[in-house]
C-alpha atoms as a PDB file:
ATOM      1  CA  UNK A   1      56.619  51.548  83.134  1.00  0.00           C
ATOM      2  CA  UNK A   2      55.539  54.125  80.532  1.00  0.00           C
ATOM      3  CA  UNK A   3      51.851  53.528  79.814  1.00  0.00           C
ATOM      4  CA  UNK A   4      50.214  54.032  76.437  1.00  0.00           C
ATOM      5  CA  UNK A   5      46.431  54.338  76.517  1.00  0.00           C
ATOM      6  CA  UNK A   6      45.393  55.307  72.977  1.00  0.00           C
ATOM      7  CA  UNK A   7      47.316  53.396  70.302  1.00  0.00           C
ATOM      8  CA  UNK A   8      47.064  53.985  66.549  1.00  0.00           C
ATOM      9  CA  UNK A   9      48.191  51.148  64.242  1.00  0.00           C
ATOM     10  CA  UNK A  10      48.567  51.701  60.489  1.00  0.00           C
ATOM     11  CA  UNK A  11      47.618  48.512  58.619  1.00  0.00           C
ATOM     12  CA  UNK A  12      47.897  49.879  55.074  1.00  0.00           C
ATOM     13  CA  UNK A  13      50.751  50.386  52.653  1.00  0.00           C
ATOM     14  CA  UNK A  14      52.715  47.800  50.711  1.00  0.00           C
ATOM     15  CA  UNK A  15      54.193  45.922  53.667  1.00  0.00           C
ATOM     16  CA  UNK A  16      52.469  42.991  55.373  1.00  0.00           C
ATOM     17  CA  UNK A  17      51.017  44.717  58.470  1.00  0.00           C
ATOM     18  CA  UNK A  18      51.054  41.627  60.700  1.00  0.00           C
ATOM     19  CA  UNK A  19      54.284  42.455  62.568  1.00  0.00           C
ATOM     20  CA  UNK A  20      53.151  45.955  63.503  1.00  0.00           C
ATOM     21  CA  UNK A  21      49.636  44.727  64.242  1.00  0.00           C
ATOM     22  CA  UNK A  22      50.868  42.093  66.662  1.00  0.00           C
ATOM     23  CA  UNK A  23      53.191  44.569  68.388  1.00  0.00           C
ATOM     24  CA  UNK A  24      50.325  47.051  68.712  1.00  0.00           C
ATOM     25  CA  UNK A  25      47.991  44.369  70.100  1.00  0.00           C
ATOM     26  CA  UNK A  26      50.614  43.226  72.600  1.00  0.00           C
ATOM     27  CA  UNK A  27      51.244  46.803  73.739  1.00  0.00           C
ATOM     28  CA  UNK A  28      47.499  47.447  74.063  1.00  0.00           C
ATOM     29  CA  UNK A  29      47.070  44.265  76.081  1.00  0.00           C
ATOM     30  CA  UNK A  30      49.892  45.117  78.481  1.00  0.00           C
ATOM     31  CA  UNK A  31      48.681  48.695  78.920  1.00  0.00           C
ATOM     32  CA  UNK A  32      44.915  48.054  78.941  1.00  0.00           C
ATOM     33  CA  UNK A  33      44.796  50.555  76.075  1.00  0.00           C
ATOM     34  CA  UNK A  34      42.329  51.321  73.312  1.00  0.00           C
ATOM     35  CA  UNK A  35      43.665  50.327  69.893  1.00  0.00           C
ATOM     36  CA  UNK A  36      42.635  51.891  66.584  1.00  0.00           C
ATOM     37  CA  UNK A  37      43.389  50.163  63.283  1.00  0.00           C
ATOM     38  CA  UNK A  38      43.614  52.600  60.372  1.00  0.00           C
ATOM     39  CA  UNK A  39      44.137  52.361  56.640  1.00  0.00           C
ATOM     40  CA  UNK A  40      44.532  55.292  54.269  1.00  0.00           C
ATOM     41  CA  UNK A  41      43.408  54.778  50.688  1.00  0.00           C
ATOM     42  CA  UNK A  42      45.391  56.803  48.154  1.00  0.00           C
ATOM     43  CA  UNK A  43      44.063  59.799  46.303  1.00  0.00           C
ATOM     44  CA  UNK A  44      45.871  59.445  42.994  1.00  0.00           C
ATOM     45  CA  UNK A  45      45.343  59.138  39.239  1.00  0.00           C
ATOM     46  CA  UNK A  46      45.310  55.358  39.747  1.00  0.00           C
ATOM     47  CA  UNK A  47      42.003  55.650  41.627  1.00  0.00           C
ATOM     48  CA  UNK A  48      40.541  58.469  39.520  1.00  0.00           C
ATOM     49  CA  UNK A  49      38.116  56.080  37.849  1.00  0.00           C
ATOM     50  CA  UNK A  50      36.326  55.768  41.196  1.00  0.00           C
ATOM     51  CA  UNK A  51      35.005  59.316  40.874  1.00  0.00           C
ATOM     52  CA  UNK A  52      33.956  59.285  37.212  1.00  0.00           C
ATOM     53  CA  UNK A  53      30.537  60.877  36.536  1.00  0.00           C
ATOM     54  CA  UNK A  54      27.787  58.370  37.106  1.00  0.00           C
ATOM     55  CA  UNK A  55      29.920  56.143  39.397  1.00  0.00           C
ATOM     56  CA  UNK A  56      30.099  58.011  42.715  1.00  0.00           C
ATOM     57  CA  UNK A  57      29.049  54.880  44.609  1.00  0.00           C
ATOM     58  CA  UNK A  58      32.226  52.992  43.643  1.00  0.00           C
ATOM     59  CA  UNK A  59      34.427  55.066  45.937  1.00  0.00           C
ATOM     60  CA  UNK A  60      32.084  54.427  48.841  1.00  0.00           C
ATOM     61  CA  UNK A  61      32.073  50.704  48.055  1.00  0.00           C
ATOM     62  CA  UNK A  62      35.872  50.543  48.128  1.00  0.00           C
ATOM     63  CA  UNK A  63      36.026  52.354  51.472  1.00  0.00           C
ATOM     64  CA  UNK A  64      33.300  50.133  52.929  1.00  0.00           C
ATOM     65  CA  UNK A  65      34.995  46.968  51.675  1.00  0.00           C
ATOM     66  CA  UNK A  66      38.278  47.937  53.282  1.00  0.00           C
ATOM     67  CA  UNK A  67      36.504  48.828  56.512  1.00  0.00           C
ATOM     68  CA  UNK A  68      35.010  45.321  56.556  1.00  0.00           C
ATOM     69  CA  UNK A  69      38.521  43.863  56.189  1.00  0.00           C
ATOM     70  CA  UNK A  70      39.763  45.924  59.126  1.00  0.00           C
ATOM     71  CA  UNK A  71      36.745  44.812  61.149  1.00  0.00           C
ATOM     72  CA  UNK A  72      37.761  41.198  60.518  1.00  0.00           C
ATOM     73  CA  UNK A  73      41.216  41.950  61.920  1.00  0.00           C
ATOM     74  CA  UNK A  74      39.636  43.764  64.855  1.00  0.00           C
ATOM     75  CA  UNK A  75      37.298  40.863  65.627  1.00  0.00           C
ATOM     76  CA  UNK A  76      40.275  38.571  66.271  1.00  0.00           C
ATOM     77  CA  UNK A  77      41.740  41.108  68.687  1.00  0.00           C
ATOM     78  CA  UNK A  78      38.417  41.699  70.424  1.00  0.00           C
ATOM     79  CA  UNK A  79      38.278  37.956  71.104  1.00  0.00           C
ATOM     80  CA  UNK A  80      41.466  38.533  73.124  1.00  0.00           C
ATOM     81  CA  UNK A  81      39.612  41.109  75.213  1.00  0.00           C
ATOM     82  CA  UNK A  82      41.030  44.195  73.506  1.00  0.00           C
ATOM     83  CA  UNK A  83      39.076  47.391  72.813  1.00  0.00           C
ATOM     84  CA  UNK A  84      39.499  48.035  69.098  1.00  0.00           C
ATOM     85  CA  UNK A  85      38.202  50.705  66.708  1.00  0.00           C
ATOM     86  CA  UNK A  86      38.636  50.739  62.926  1.00  0.00           C
ATOM     87  CA  UNK A  87      39.064  53.705  60.584  1.00  0.00           C
ATOM     88  CA  UNK A  88      39.378  54.020  56.811  1.00  0.00           C
ATOM     89  CA  UNK A  89      40.083  57.377  55.234  1.00  0.00           C
ATOM     90  CA  UNK A  90      41.616  58.761  52.040  1.00  0.00           C
ATOM     91  CA  UNK A  91      44.649  60.919  51.405  1.00  0.00           C
ATOM     92  CA  UNK A  92      48.364  60.954  52.073  1.00  0.00           C
ATOM     93  CA  UNK A  93      49.119  58.246  54.692  1.00  0.00           C
ATOM     94  CA  UNK A  94      51.514  60.195  56.918  1.00  0.00           C
ATOM     95  CA  UNK A  95      49.276  63.298  56.852  1.00  0.00           C
ATOM     96  CA  UNK A  96      46.175  61.306  57.789  1.00  0.00           C
ATOM     97  CA  UNK A  97      48.002  59.451  60.570  1.00  0.00           C
ATOM     98  CA  UNK A  98      49.225  62.705  62.083  1.00  0.00           C
ATOM     99  CA  UNK A  99      45.717  64.132  61.690  1.00  0.00           C
ATOM    100  CA  UNK A 100      44.390  61.307  63.866  1.00  0.00           C
ATOM    101  CA  UNK A 101      47.105  61.837  66.474  1.00  0.00           C
ATOM    102  CA  UNK A 102      46.258  65.527  66.731  1.00  0.00           C
ATOM    103  CA  UNK A 103      42.457  65.235  66.665  1.00  0.00           C
ATOM    104  CA  UNK A 104      42.005  61.989  68.621  1.00  0.00           C
ATOM    105  CA  UNK A 105      44.894  62.183  71.096  1.00  0.00           C
ATOM    106  CA  UNK A 106      46.701  58.975  70.145  1.00  0.00           C
ATOM    107  CA  UNK A 107      49.853  58.640  72.237  1.00  0.00           C
ATOM    108  CA  UNK A 108      51.795  56.317  69.899  1.00  0.00           C
ATOM    109  CA  UNK A 109      51.706  55.338  66.210  1.00  0.00           C
ATOM    110  CA  UNK A 110      52.765  51.829  65.171  1.00  0.00           C
ATOM    111  CA  UNK A 111      53.371  50.592  61.634  1.00  0.00           C
ATOM    112  CA  UNK A 112      55.252  47.788  59.935  1.00  0.00           C
ATOM    113  CA  UNK A 113      58.468  48.856  58.217  1.00  0.00           C
ATOM    114  CA  UNK A 114      58.450  49.178  54.445  1.00  0.00           C
ATOM    115  CA  UNK A 115      61.088  46.466  54.076  1.00  0.00           C
ATOM    116  CA  UNK A 116      64.474  46.280  52.422  1.00  0.00           C
ATOM    117  CA  UNK A 117      62.913  46.944  49.022  1.00  0.00           C
ATOM    118  CA  UNK A 118      62.391  50.575  50.062  1.00  0.00           C
ATOM    119  CA  UNK A 119      63.949  52.981  47.577  1.00  0.00           C
ATOM    120  CA  UNK A 120      65.442  54.851  50.529  1.00  0.00           C
ATOM    121  CA  UNK A 121      67.434  51.826  51.643  1.00  0.00           C
ATOM    122  CA  UNK A 122      67.188  50.178  55.023  1.00  0.00           C
ATOM    123  CA  UNK A 123      63.761  49.353  56.421  1.00  0.00           C
ATOM    124  CA  UNK A 124      62.181  52.789  56.506  1.00  0.00           C
ATOM    125  CA  UNK A 125      60.054  54.119  53.660  1.00  0.00           C
ATOM    126  CA  UNK A 126      58.896  57.676  53.083  1.00  0.00           C
ATOM    127  CA  UNK A 127      55.802  57.378  55.294  1.00  0.00           C
ATOM    128  CA  UNK A 128      57.880  56.267  58.291  1.00  0.00           C
ATOM    129  CA  UNK A 129      60.429  59.048  57.828  1.00  0.00           C
ATOM    130  CA  UNK A 130      57.729  61.703  57.464  1.00  0.00           C
ATOM    131  CA  UNK A 131      56.100  60.450  60.665  1.00  0.00           C
ATOM    132  CA  UNK A 132      59.402  60.562  62.505  1.00  0.00           C
ATOM    133  CA  UNK A 133      59.941  64.137  61.365  1.00  0.00           C
ATOM    134  CA  UNK A 134      56.466  65.549  61.946  1.00  0.00           C
ATOM    135  CA  UNK A 135      54.319  63.347  64.198  1.00  0.00           C
ATOM    136  CA  UNK A 136      54.069  64.698  67.761  1.00  0.00           C
ATOM    137  CA  UNK A 137      53.601  61.257  69.333  1.00  0.00           C
ATOM    138  CA  UNK A 138      56.214  58.483  69.519  1.00  0.00           C
ATOM    139  CA  UNK A 139      56.405  56.450  66.306  1.00  0.00           C
ATOM    140  CA  UNK A 140      57.246  52.737  66.438  1.00  0.00           C
ATOM    141  CA  UNK A 141      58.236  51.197  63.102  1.00  0.00           C
ATOM    142  CA  UNK A 142      58.345  47.424  63.497  1.00  0.00           C
ATOM    143  CA  UNK A 143      60.625  45.158  61.489  1.00  0.00           C
ATOM    144  CA  UNK A 144      58.528  42.975  59.127  1.00  0.00           C
ATOM    145  CA  UNK A 145      59.751  39.694  60.623  1.00  0.00           C
ATOM    146  CA  UNK A 146      60.514  40.393  64.282  1.00  0.00           C
ATOM    147  CA  UNK A 147      61.784  37.700  66.615  1.00  0.00           C
ATOM    148  CA  UNK A 148      59.296  36.259  69.089  1.00  0.00           C
ATOM    149  CA  UNK A 149      60.843  38.424  71.803  1.00  0.00           C
ATOM    150  CA  UNK A 150      63.398  41.189  71.920  1.00  0.00           C
ATOM    151  CA  UNK A 151      66.868  40.211  73.027  1.00  0.00           C
ATOM    152  CA  UNK A 152      68.313  43.722  73.165  1.00  0.00           C
ATOM    153  CA  UNK A 153      66.754  47.163  73.368  1.00  0.00           C
ATOM    154  CA  UNK A 154      69.000  50.084  72.410  1.00  0.00           C
ATOM    155  CA  UNK A 155      68.575  53.501  74.025  1.00  0.00           C
ATOM    156  CA  UNK A 156      70.489  56.092  71.991  1.00  0.00           C
ATOM    157  CA  UNK A 157      70.946  59.036  74.358  1.00  0.00           C
ATOM    158  CA  UNK A 158      72.621  62.432  74.201  1.00  0.00           C
ATOM    159  CA  UNK A 159      72.712  63.855  77.746  1.00  0.00           C
ATOM    160  CA  UNK A 160      73.393  67.599  77.769  1.00  0.00           C
ATOM    161  CA  UNK A 161      72.608  69.329  81.090  1.00  0.00           C
ATOM    162  CA  UNK A 162      73.330  72.718  79.508  1.00  0.00           C
ATOM    163  CA  UNK A 163      70.661  72.147  76.825  1.00  0.00           C
ATOM    164  CA  UNK A 164      67.417  71.339  78.704  1.00  0.00           C
ATOM    165  CA  UNK A 165      65.409  70.289  75.643  1.00  0.00           C
ATOM    166  CA  UNK A 166      67.965  67.735  74.491  1.00  0.00           C
ATOM    167  CA  UNK A 167      68.634  66.505  78.028  1.00  0.00           C
ATOM    168  CA  UNK A 168      64.929  66.012  78.769  1.00  0.00           C
ATOM    169  CA  UNK A 169      64.539  64.097  75.518  1.00  0.00           C
ATOM    170  CA  UNK A 170      67.338  61.731  76.565  1.00  0.00           C
ATOM    171  CA  UNK A 171      65.496  61.058  79.821  1.00  0.00           C
ATOM    172  CA  UNK A 172      62.327  60.305  77.850  1.00  0.00           C
ATOM    173  CA  UNK A 173      64.210  57.970  75.491  1.00  0.00           C
ATOM    174  CA  UNK A 174      65.773  56.080  78.378  1.00  0.00           C
ATOM    175  CA  UNK A 175      62.462  55.754  80.220  1.00  0.00           C
ATOM    176  CA  UNK A 176      60.706  54.360  77.149  1.00  0.00           C
ATOM    177  CA  UNK A 177      63.554  51.998  76.328  1.00  0.00           C
ATOM    178  CA  UNK A 178      63.629  50.712  79.916  1.00  0.00           C
ATOM    179  CA  UNK A 179      59.858  50.210  79.820  1.00  0.00           C
ATOM    180  CA  UNK A 180      60.100  48.258  76.590  1.00  0.00           C
ATOM    181  CA  UNK A 181      62.991  46.152  77.880  1.00  0.00           C
ATOM    182  CA  UNK A 182      61.111  45.374  81.088  1.00  0.00           C
ATOM    183  CA  UNK A 183      57.935  44.381  79.260  1.00  0.00           C
ATOM    184  CA  UNK A 184      59.818  42.089  76.874  1.00  0.00           C
ATOM    185  CA  UNK A 185      62.336  40.709  79.439  1.00  0.00           C
ATOM    186  CA  UNK A 186      65.185  42.104  77.345  1.00  0.00           C
ATOM    187  CA  UNK A 187      68.617  43.525  78.046  1.00  0.00           C
ATOM    188  CA  UNK A 188      68.910  47.297  77.763  1.00  0.00           C
ATOM    189  CA  UNK A 189      71.911  48.846  76.001  1.00  0.00           C
ATOM    190  CA  UNK A 190      72.406  52.543  76.839  1.00  0.00           C
ATOM    191  CA  UNK A 191      74.700  54.152  74.267  1.00  0.00           C
ATOM    192  CA  UNK A 192      76.158  57.651  74.075  1.00  0.00           C
ATOM    193  CA  UNK A 193      78.631  58.710  71.380  1.00  0.00           C
ATOM    194  CA  UNK A 194      81.238  61.383  72.099  1.00  0.00           C
ATOM    195  CA  UNK A 195      83.993  62.961  70.036  1.00  0.00           C
ATOM    196  CA  UNK A 196      86.408  65.875  69.957  1.00  0.00           C
ATOM    197  CA  UNK A 197      85.340  68.334  67.286  1.00  0.00           C
ATOM    198  CA  UNK A 198      87.965  68.642  64.493  1.00  0.00           C
ATOM    199  CA  UNK A 199      90.387  66.288  66.208  1.00  0.00           C
ATOM    200  CA  UNK A 200      91.971  65.369  62.865  1.00  0.00           C
ATOM    201  CA  UNK A 201      92.530  69.047  62.016  1.00  0.00           C
ATOM    202  CA  UNK A 202      94.033  69.732  65.443  1.00  0.00           C
ATOM    203  CA  UNK A 203      96.556  66.952  64.836  1.00  0.00           C
ATOM    204  CA  UNK A 204      97.099  67.875  61.168  1.00  0.00           C
ATOM    205  CA  UNK A 205      99.926  69.784  59.563  1.00  0.00           C
ATOM    206  CA  UNK A 206      98.259  73.203  59.473  1.00  0.00           C
ATOM    207  CA  UNK A 207      97.372  73.411  63.165  1.00  0.00           C
ATOM    208  CA  UNK A 208      99.616  70.630  64.477  1.00  0.00           C
ATOM    209  CA  UNK A 209      98.997  70.981  68.202  1.00  0.00           C
ATOM    210  CA  UNK A 210     101.325  68.962  70.405  1.00  0.00           C
ATOM    211  CA  UNK A 211      99.926  65.420  70.788  1.00  0.00           C
ATOM    212  CA  UNK A 212      99.891  65.733  74.571  1.00  0.00           C
ATOM    213  CA  UNK A 213      97.681  68.831  74.332  1.00  0.00           C
ATOM    214  CA  UNK A 214      95.167  67.120  72.026  1.00  0.00           C
ATOM    215  CA  UNK A 215      95.177  64.040  74.254  1.00  0.00           C
ATOM    216  CA  UNK A 216      94.432  66.267  77.221  1.00  0.00           C
ATOM    217  CA  UNK A 217      91.475  67.782  75.364  1.00  0.00           C
ATOM    218  CA  UNK A 218      90.219  64.288  74.588  1.00  0.00           C
ATOM    219  CA  UNK A 219      90.380  63.291  78.259  1.00  0.00           C
ATOM    220  CA  UNK A 220      88.485  66.437  79.213  1.00  0.00           C
ATOM    221  CA  UNK A 221      85.712  65.874  76.635  1.00  0.00           C
ATOM    222  CA  UNK A 222      85.400  62.210  77.531  1.00  0.00           C
ATOM    223  CA  UNK A 223      85.312  62.963  81.246  1.00  0.00           C
ATOM    224  CA  UNK A 224      82.534  65.503  80.766  1.00  0.00           C
ATOM    225  CA  UNK A 225      80.542  63.061  78.602  1.00  0.00           C
ATOM    226  CA  UNK A 226      80.984  60.291  81.181  1.00  0.00           C
ATOM    227  CA  UNK A 227      79.795  62.570  83.971  1.00  0.00           C
ATOM    228  CA  UNK A 228      76.705  63.606  81.999  1.00  0.00           C
ATOM    229  CA  UNK A 229      75.892  59.999  81.082  1.00  0.00           C
ATOM    230  CA  UNK A 230      76.243  58.799  84.677  1.00  0.00           C
ATOM    231  CA  UNK A 231      73.936  61.586  85.839  1.00  0.00           C
ATOM    232  CA  UNK A 232      71.346  60.636  83.216  1.00  0.00           C
ATOM    233  CA  UNK A 233      71.356  56.956  84.203  1.00  0.00           C
ATOM    234  CA  UNK A 234      70.891  57.904  87.857  1.00  0.00           C
ATOM    235  CA  UNK A 235      67.755  59.918  86.985  1.00  0.00           C
ATOM    236  CA  UNK A 236      65.906  56.910  85.521  1.00  0.00           C
ATOM    237  CA  UNK A 237      64.843  53.821  87.456  1.00  0.00           C
ATOM    238  CA  UNK A 238      66.586  50.898  85.755  1.00  0.00           C
ATOM    239  CA  UNK A 239      66.316  48.551  88.735  1.00  0.00           C
ATOM    240  CA  UNK A 240      63.908  46.191  86.955  1.00  0.00           C
ATOM    241  CA  UNK A 241      65.961  45.595  83.808  1.00  0.00           C
ATOM    242  CA  UNK A 242      69.442  44.194  83.131  1.00  0.00           C
ATOM    243  CA  UNK A 243      71.392  46.955  81.425  1.00  0.00           C
ATOM    244  CA  UNK A 244      74.800  47.985  80.139  1.00  0.00           C
ATOM    245  CA  UNK A 245      76.089  51.519  79.611  1.00  0.00           C
ATOM    246  CA  UNK A 246      78.379  52.264  76.669  1.00  0.00           C
ATOM    247  CA  UNK A 247      80.290  55.520  76.248  1.00  0.00           C
ATOM    248  CA  UNK A 248      81.797  55.254  72.774  1.00  0.00           C
ATOM    249  CA  UNK A 249      84.166  57.575  70.936  1.00  0.00           C
ATOM    250  CA  UNK A 250      82.949  58.307  67.411  1.00  0.00           C
ATOM    251  CA  UNK A 251      80.379  60.088  65.281  1.00  0.00           C
ATOM    252  CA  UNK A 252      76.818  59.357  66.508  1.00  0.00           C
ATOM    253  CA  UNK A 253      75.540  58.096  63.161  1.00  0.00           C
ATOM    254  CA  UNK A 254      78.376  55.534  63.000  1.00  0.00           C
ATOM    255  CA  UNK A 255      78.224  54.476  66.649  1.00  0.00           C
ATOM    256  CA  UNK A 256      74.442  54.187  66.934  1.00  0.00           C
ATOM    257  CA  UNK A 257      74.157  52.401  63.591  1.00  0.00           C
ATOM    258  CA  UNK A 258      76.730  49.839  64.733  1.00  0.00           C
ATOM    259  CA  UNK A 259      74.910  49.145  67.994  1.00  0.00           C
ATOM    260  CA  UNK A 260      71.583  49.028  66.167  1.00  0.00           C
ATOM    261  CA  UNK A 261      72.920  46.120  64.124  1.00  0.00           C
ATOM    262  CA  UNK A 262      73.138  44.146  67.384  1.00  0.00           C
ATOM    263  CA  UNK A 263      69.709  45.220  68.657  1.00  0.00           C
ATOM    264  CA  UNK A 264      66.116  44.188  68.037  1.00  0.00           C
ATOM    265  CA  UNK A 265      64.695  47.658  68.603  1.00  0.00           C
ATOM    266  CA  UNK A 266      66.373  51.069  68.826  1.00  0.00           C
ATOM    267  CA  UNK A 267      64.794  53.890  70.837  1.00  0.00           C
ATOM    268  CA  UNK A 268      66.037  57.320  69.832  1.00  0.00           C
ATOM    269  CA  UNK A 269      64.990  60.941  70.012  1.00  0.00           C
ATOM    270  CA  UNK A 270      64.325  63.395  67.224  1.00  0.00           C
ATOM    271  CA  UNK A 271      64.694  67.097  67.860  1.00  0.00           C
ATOM    272  CA  UNK A 272      65.311  70.173  65.742  1.00  0.00           C
ATOM    273  CA  UNK A 273      68.175  72.439  66.739  1.00  0.00           C
ATOM    274  CA  UNK A 274      67.339  74.771  63.872  1.00  0.00           C
ATOM    275  CA  UNK A 275      64.113  76.082  65.375  1.00  0.00           C
ATOM    276  CA  UNK A 276      62.120  74.700  62.432  1.00  0.00           C
ATOM    277  CA  UNK A 277      59.359  72.257  63.389  1.00  0.00           C
ATOM    278  CA  UNK A 278      59.583  68.767  61.939  1.00  0.00           C
ATOM    279  CA  UNK A 279      63.344  68.587  61.385  1.00  0.00           C
ATOM    280  CA  UNK A 280      65.687  66.036  62.952  1.00  0.00           C
ATOM    281  CA  UNK A 281      68.841  66.890  64.889  1.00  0.00           C
ATOM    282  CA  UNK A 282      71.260  68.269  62.288  1.00  0.00           C
ATOM    283  CA  UNK A 283      70.554  65.354  59.929  1.00  0.00           C
ATOM    284  CA  UNK A 284      72.398  62.997  62.311  1.00  0.00           C
ATOM    285  CA  UNK A 285      69.233  61.180  63.355  1.00  0.00           C
ATOM    286  CA  UNK A 286      68.038  60.984  59.765  1.00  0.00           C
ATOM    287  CA  UNK A 287      71.310  59.397  58.641  1.00  0.00           C
ATOM    288  CA  UNK A 288      70.907  56.823  61.410  1.00  0.00           C
ATOM    289  CA  UNK A 289      67.270  56.135  60.525  1.00  0.00           C
ATOM    290  CA  UNK A 290      68.127  55.544  56.890  1.00  0.00           C
ATOM    291  CA  UNK A 291      70.734  52.928  57.828  1.00  0.00           C
ATOM    292  CA  UNK A 292      69.182  50.854  60.604  1.00  0.00           C
ATOM    293  CA  UNK A 293      67.569  47.504  59.885  1.00  0.00           C
ATOM    294  CA  UNK A 294      66.027  46.890  63.301  1.00  0.00           C
ATOM    295  CA  UNK A 295      62.706  48.114  64.644  1.00  0.00           C
ATOM    296  CA  UNK A 296      62.800  51.798  65.659  1.00  0.00           C
ATOM    297  CA  UNK A 297      60.866  53.731  68.308  1.00  0.00           C
ATOM    298  CA  UNK A 298      61.346  57.443  67.574  1.00  0.00           C
ATOM    299  CA  UNK A 299      60.502  59.932  70.310  1.00  0.00           C
ATOM    300  CA  UNK A 300      59.758  63.655  70.144  1.00  0.00           C
ATOM    301  CA  UNK A 301      60.517  66.145  72.924  1.00  0.00           C
ATOM    302  CA  UNK A 302      57.725  67.316  75.202  1.00  0.00           C
ATOM    303  CA  UNK A 303      55.791  70.176  73.664  1.00  0.00           C
ATOM    304  CA  UNK A 304      56.664  69.273  70.065  1.00  0.00           C
ATOM    305  CA  UNK A 305      54.015  70.583  67.660  1.00  0.00           C
ATOM    306  CA  UNK A 306      53.552  69.231  64.162  1.00  0.00           C
ATOM    307  CA  UNK A 307      53.877  71.811  61.374  1.00  0.00           C
ATOM    308  CA  UNK A 308      50.752  70.373  59.705  1.00  0.00           C
ATOM    309  CA  UNK A 309      47.163  71.649  60.080  1.00  0.00           C
ATOM    310  CA  UNK A 310      44.019  69.566  59.659  1.00  0.00           C
ATOM    311  CA  UNK A 311      40.289  69.213  59.120  1.00  0.00           C
ATOM    312  CA  UNK A 312      38.580  65.964  60.136  1.00  0.00           C
ATOM    313  CA  UNK A 313      37.181  63.547  57.504  1.00  0.00           C
ATOM    314  CA  UNK A 314      37.055  59.783  58.247  1.00  0.00           C
ATOM    315  CA  UNK A 315      34.877  56.697  58.050  1.00  0.00           C
ATOM    316  CA  UNK A 316      34.846  54.988  61.448  1.00  0.00           C
ATOM    317  CA  UNK A 317      33.493  51.818  63.040  1.00  0.00           C
ATOM    318  CA  UNK A 318      33.685  51.661  66.844  1.00  0.00           C
ATOM    319  CA  UNK A 319      33.716  48.621  69.055  1.00  0.00           C
END
């Protein structure tokens, strides 16, 4: 099982943090991990009154008050035997969360999803999407009202032996999904979408290849995809989880979104093919992320480096 040892849980924002907090506590308990609860207070015109001349203490009072609230949450978790730290800082939430990952070595970030009221649609707000683009650690965005246990865990994979970075990321996705399914006694769904590029054009009037020739190309592409998927599954130990493997013809954003509708959590990789740090695979992953309404665990490839740069500045209370 993949082990997480240094978990960061964001308990701020507009959403009720209880779903993400409970998932983080459960993961910390199962992994004997240290858990840090963090909130990020906004720096905006709405809070400008806190820094008016003659009232510098008000800002400190607000930070201290919020830190006390986090300590109350932490106390409940410490009673369960967990090691919990609390942090309150100010700034842009996704920037400060990534700052903590980089400077403190957190190996996963967990937050509750924004909810269906998000202006982006689906469950993911701007903070979650920024994290999934730019945070070097895995990011787990938990549905606000999760079921008591997962029934299905989706592993969205894209095995490509000829592209080592993408292939290695698929292995990582499958390992994490299997670990999550094992820990929650869930069924694992391994899904890979394949398609023949420009099939409609090849069959259309302008090109109009003989149907038998296009069908032969389809069989060849499908056969190659099936071979790659079988090889991927053989590389990961799935002996401790019930699983199904699905090789589905169609565009990835359509296929994965459909399977996500039947899943409690989707594990998927994010990787830039453009060479620019912090971008998702050709917008395909982003289209999927904007549509799903289940919990999502987004994974970066090994060696991913965030495009952001930081200087430390936090208020911390340690257990």
